[in-house]
Amino acid sequence: MSKPSKIQTLKGESKSPKVKGLDRRRFFMMGGSAVAAAAIVPMTGTEAEADSESQADRVKARYRLTDHVKNFYRVNRY
């Protein structure tokens, strides 16, 4: 037979003594909280910037059919 435990327990308590400090569950909860806080900080730290493009830049032609663009369309059969 096994020997009875020397630690006296009350109803509803575990047999192992309470250890002061950090247990595994608390360690991972704190780590998860730190990651979440670090992810939120960059989102709230910047302000919106206005569009710096002028009206002339908005209406100018941007697409140019160059040789490398023609080659791309030819090779990929678009």
C-alpha atoms as a PDB file:
ATOM      1  CA  MET A   1       0.000   0.000   0.000  1.00  0.00           C
ATOM      2  CA  SER A   2       1.075   3.567  -0.526  1.00  0.00           C
ATOM      3  CA  LYS A   3       1.804   5.925   2.301  1.00  0.00           C
ATOM      4  CA  PRO A   4      -0.673   8.702   2.978  1.00  0.00           C
ATOM      5  CA  SER A   5       0.401  12.190   1.995  1.00  0.00           C
ATOM      6  CA  LYS A   6       1.965  14.318   4.725  1.00  0.00           C
ATOM      7  CA  ILE A   7       0.257  17.440   3.392  1.00  0.00           C
ATOM      8  CA  GLN A   8      -3.057  18.161   5.038  1.00  0.00           C
ATOM      9  CA  THR A   9      -5.702  19.272   2.555  1.00  0.00           C
ATOM     10  CA  LEU A  10      -8.978  21.008   3.017  1.00  0.00           C
ATOM     11  CA  LYS A  11     -12.030  20.221   0.970  1.00  0.00           C
ATOM     12  CA  GLY A  12     -11.627  21.313  -2.665  1.00  0.00           C
ATOM     13  CA  GLU A  13      -7.874  21.995  -2.471  1.00  0.00           C
ATOM     14  CA  SER A  14      -5.209  20.123  -4.375  1.00  0.00           C
ATOM     15  CA  LYS A  15      -2.643  17.989  -2.577  1.00  0.00           C
ATOM     16  CA  SER A  16       0.344  19.928  -3.934  1.00  0.00           C
ATOM     17  CA  PRO A  17       1.342  23.049  -2.011  1.00  0.00           C
ATOM     18  CA  LYS A  18       0.776  26.415  -3.669  1.00  0.00           C
ATOM     19  CA  VAL A  19       3.985  27.604  -5.250  1.00  0.00           C
ATOM     20  CA  LYS A  20       4.609  31.313  -5.275  1.00  0.00           C
ATOM     21  CA  GLY A  21       5.634  32.702  -8.638  1.00  0.00           C
ATOM     22  CA  LEU A  22       4.691  31.872 -12.183  1.00  0.00           C
ATOM     23  CA  ASP A  23       3.031  28.664 -13.228  1.00  0.00           C
ATOM     24  CA  ARG A  24       2.799  27.466 -16.820  1.00  0.00           C
ATOM     25  CA  ARG A  25      -0.746  28.657 -17.476  1.00  0.00           C
ATOM     26  CA  ARG A  26      -0.105  32.165 -16.144  1.00  0.00           C
ATOM     27  CA  PHE A  27       3.166  32.366 -18.112  1.00  0.00           C
ATOM     28  CA  PHE A  28       1.409  31.650 -21.419  1.00  0.00           C
ATOM     29  CA  MET A  29      -1.473  34.011 -20.617  1.00  0.00           C
ATOM     30  CA  MET A  30       0.989  36.839 -19.986  1.00  0.00           C
ATOM     31  CA  GLY A  31       2.874  35.988 -23.177  1.00  0.00           C
ATOM     32  CA  GLY A  32      -0.327  36.019 -25.230  1.00  0.00           C
ATOM     33  CA  SER A  33      -1.331  39.353 -23.744  1.00  0.00           C
ATOM     34  CA  ALA A  34       2.060  40.842 -24.611  1.00  0.00           C
ATOM     35  CA  VAL A  35       1.798  39.652 -28.229  1.00  0.00           C
ATOM     36  CA  ALA A  36      -1.705  41.091 -28.576  1.00  0.00           C
ATOM     37  CA  ALA A  37      -0.612  44.421 -27.118  1.00  0.00           C
ATOM     38  CA  ALA A  38       2.406  44.564 -29.439  1.00  0.00           C
ATOM     39  CA  ALA A  39       0.167  43.891 -32.447  1.00  0.00           C
ATOM     40  CA  ILE A  40      -2.260  46.699 -31.560  1.00  0.00           C
ATOM     41  CA  VAL A  41       0.333  49.430 -30.987  1.00  0.00           C
ATOM     42  CA  PRO A  42       1.397  49.844 -34.666  1.00  0.00           C
ATOM     43  CA  MET A  43      -2.237  50.084 -35.771  1.00  0.00           C
ATOM     44  CA  THR A  44      -3.041  52.971 -33.463  1.00  0.00           C
ATOM     45  CA  GLY A  45       0.256  54.851 -33.752  1.00  0.00           C
ATOM     46  CA  THR A  46      -0.145  56.386 -37.238  1.00  0.00           C
ATOM     47  CA  GLU A  47      -2.440  59.043 -38.589  1.00  0.00           C
ATOM     48  CA  ALA A  48      -4.105  59.072 -41.981  1.00  0.00           C
ATOM     49  CA  GLU A  49      -2.290  61.019 -44.681  1.00  0.00           C
ATOM     50  CA  ALA A  50      -3.923  63.001 -47.449  1.00  0.00           C
ATOM     51  CA  ASP A  51      -3.391  62.014 -51.069  1.00  0.00           C
ATOM     52  CA  SER A  52      -0.440  64.003 -52.417  1.00  0.00           C
ATOM     53  CA  GLU A  53      -1.207  63.308 -56.090  1.00  0.00           C
ATOM     54  CA  SER A  54      -2.173  66.385 -58.098  1.00  0.00           C
ATOM     55  CA  GLN A  55      -5.025  66.554 -60.597  1.00  0.00           C
ATOM     56  CA  ALA A  56      -2.569  66.445 -63.528  1.00  0.00           C
ATOM     57  CA  ASP A  57      -0.974  63.280 -62.134  1.00  0.00           C
ATOM     58  CA  ARG A  58      -4.373  61.615 -61.745  1.00  0.00           C
ATOM     59  CA  VAL A  59      -5.394  62.020 -65.384  1.00  0.00           C
ATOM     60  CA  LYS A  60      -2.072  61.277 -67.123  1.00  0.00           C
ATOM     61  CA  ALA A  61      -1.632  58.069 -69.073  1.00  0.00           C
ATOM     62  CA  ARG A  62       0.196  55.443 -67.038  1.00  0.00           C
ATOM     63  CA  TYR A  63       0.109  52.369 -69.237  1.00  0.00           C
ATOM     64  CA  ARG A  64       2.682  52.136 -72.007  1.00  0.00           C
ATOM     65  CA  LEU A  65       2.884  49.220 -74.403  1.00  0.00           C
ATOM     66  CA  THR A  66       6.632  48.554 -74.452  1.00  0.00           C
ATOM     67  CA  ASP A  67       8.601  45.645 -75.881  1.00  0.00           C
ATOM     68  CA  HIS A  68       8.796  43.746 -72.593  1.00  0.00           C
ATOM     69  CA  VAL A  69       5.029  44.109 -72.113  1.00  0.00           C
ATOM     70  CA  LYS A  70       4.426  42.792 -75.640  1.00  0.00           C
ATOM     71  CA  ASN A  71       6.775  39.885 -74.914  1.00  0.00           C
ATOM     72  CA  PHE A  72       4.894  39.094 -71.688  1.00  0.00           C
ATOM     73  CA  TYR A  73       1.548  38.962 -73.506  1.00  0.00           C
ATOM     74  CA  ARG A  74       3.038  36.874 -76.324  1.00  0.00           C
ATOM     75  CA  VAL A  75       4.637  34.314 -74.002  1.00  0.00           C
ATOM     76  CA  ASN A  76       1.584  33.967 -71.767  1.00  0.00           C
ATOM     77  CA  ARG A  77      -0.885  34.035 -74.722  1.00  0.00           C
ATOM     78  CA  TYR A  78      -3.161  36.758 -73.441  1.00  0.00           C
END
